[in-house]
Amino acid sequence: MGVDHAWEKFSSEIRFALVSDASLQERLNGLISGVSHLQRDSFPDDHVWDEFRKLLNEVTKRGARFPEDEKIRATTSQMSDEKAKESLQAAFAIYTHLAKAFGRTEFVI
């Protein structure tokens, strides 16, 4: 799919997370649900891919018996505000790497 696709998906989901009135947990759930399908070829290098996998592991560690999207909801719904905020910040850091790799000097939010 490529970095351009990952940038587009992250951009859309980050935009929603920033402007939504939903809880931090719901924002995180929406963001991760929108990007969880991305594969290695969507990331510019192994470091960003590893950061993405680390984030996915963090937001799916509960509810092992559920399908992927339900794992995300099961995990994020039980996170503290602080943990959800940390995960949203990690997602934004990944987004900035994607934006740079895609040649964006400004962030479109």
Protein backbone atom coordinates (compact mmCIF):
# COMPACT_ATOMS: atom_id res chain seq x y z
CA MET A 1 0.00 0.00 0.00
CA GLY A 2 2.83 2.38 0.75
CA VAL A 3 3.67 5.28 2.99
CA ASP A 4 1.20 7.57 1.21
CA HIS A 5 -1.69 5.29 2.19
CA ALA A 6 -0.50 5.09 5.80
CA TRP A 7 -0.12 8.87 5.92
CA GLU A 8 -3.66 9.34 4.59
CA LYS A 9 -5.15 6.89 7.10
CA PHE A 10 -3.23 8.32 10.06
CA SER A 11 -4.02 11.88 9.00
CA SER A 12 -7.73 11.17 8.89
CA GLU A 13 -7.78 9.33 12.21
CA ILE A 14 -5.55 11.87 13.99
CA ARG A 15 -7.82 14.66 12.78
CA PHE A 16 -10.84 12.91 14.30
CA ALA A 17 -9.01 12.23 17.57
CA LEU A 18 -8.03 15.89 17.90
CA VAL A 19 -11.44 17.42 17.32
CA SER A 20 -13.75 14.80 18.81
CA ASP A 21 -15.64 15.35 22.04
CA ALA A 22 -15.43 11.61 22.75
CA SER A 23 -13.45 10.27 25.69
CA LEU A 24 -9.72 9.70 25.26
CA GLN A 25 -10.39 5.97 25.22
CA GLU A 26 -13.00 6.28 22.46
CA ARG A 27 -10.70 8.53 20.43
CA LEU A 28 -7.89 6.01 20.76
CA ASN A 29 -10.21 3.15 19.82
CA GLY A 30 -11.32 4.97 16.68
CA LEU A 31 -7.80 5.90 15.68
CA ILE A 32 -6.35 2.43 16.13
CA SER A 33 -9.34 0.74 14.51
CA GLY A 34 -8.74 2.93 11.46
CA VAL A 35 -5.04 2.08 11.10
CA SER A 36 -4.68 -1.42 12.57
CA HIS A 37 -4.82 -3.04 9.12
CA LEU A 38 -1.60 -1.35 7.94
CA GLN A 39 1.29 -3.64 7.08
CA ARG A 40 5.08 -3.27 7.07
CA ASP A 41 5.19 -1.84 3.52
CA SER A 42 3.12 1.12 4.74
CA PHE A 43 5.98 2.38 6.92
CA PRO A 44 9.19 4.10 5.84
CA ASP A 45 11.56 2.01 7.96
CA ASP A 46 11.82 -0.69 10.60
CA HIS A 47 11.93 1.82 13.47
CA VAL A 48 8.53 3.33 12.63
CA TRP A 49 7.10 -0.13 11.94
CA ASP A 50 8.36 -1.30 15.35
CA GLU A 51 6.79 1.72 17.05
CA PHE A 52 3.50 0.96 15.30
CA ARG A 53 3.60 -2.72 16.35
CA LYS A 54 4.43 -1.68 19.92
CA LEU A 55 1.40 0.63 19.94
CA LEU A 56 -0.83 -2.10 18.50
CA ASN A 57 0.35 -4.55 21.14
CA GLU A 58 -0.38 -2.01 23.85
CA VAL A 59 -3.94 -1.41 22.69
CA THR A 60 -4.84 -5.06 22.06
CA LYS A 61 -3.38 -6.81 25.08
CA ARG A 62 -6.75 -7.46 26.68
CA GLY A 63 -9.50 -9.56 25.22
CA ALA A 64 -7.29 -12.16 23.55
CA ARG A 65 -10.29 -14.28 22.63
CA PHE A 66 -11.91 -11.49 20.58
CA PRO A 67 -11.44 -10.48 16.93
CA GLU A 68 -8.92 -7.63 16.41
CA ASP A 69 -11.41 -4.72 16.47
CA GLU A 70 -13.03 -6.05 19.66
CA LYS A 71 -9.60 -6.49 21.27
CA ILE A 72 -8.97 -2.80 20.65
CA ARG A 73 -12.25 -1.77 22.28
CA ALA A 74 -11.79 -4.22 25.17
CA THR A 75 -8.33 -2.81 25.89
CA THR A 76 -8.89 0.90 25.31
CA SER A 77 -12.12 0.98 27.29
CA GLN A 78 -10.20 -0.19 30.38
CA MET A 79 -7.32 2.28 30.02
CA SER A 80 -6.84 5.19 32.37
CA ASP A 81 -6.98 8.66 30.85
CA GLU A 82 -3.21 8.92 31.31
CA LYS A 83 -2.50 5.64 29.49
CA ALA A 84 -4.90 6.53 26.66
CA LYS A 85 -3.22 9.92 26.34
CA GLU A 86 0.23 8.28 26.15
CA SER A 87 -1.00 5.96 23.42
CA LEU A 88 -2.52 8.85 21.46
CA GLN A 89 0.80 10.68 21.73
CA ALA A 90 2.61 7.58 20.44
CA ALA A 91 0.20 7.47 17.49
CA PHE A 92 0.90 11.14 16.76
CA ALA A 93 4.66 10.46 16.84
CA ILE A 94 4.17 7.71 14.26
CA TYR A 95 2.09 10.11 12.18
CA THR A 96 4.89 12.69 12.20
CA HIS A 97 7.35 10.07 10.91
CA LEU A 98 4.92 9.16 8.15
CA ALA A 99 4.36 12.81 7.25
CA LYS A 100 8.10 13.39 6.95
CA ALA A 101 8.56 10.26 4.86
CA PHE A 102 5.69 11.31 2.61
CA GLY A 103 7.37 14.67 2.10
CA ARG A 104 5.02 16.76 4.19
CA THR A 105 6.75 19.66 5.87
CA GLU A 106 3.55 20.84 7.52
CA PHE A 107 1.02 18.66 9.25
CA VAL A 108 -2.47 18.67 7.83
CA ILE A 109 -4.91 18.43 10.69
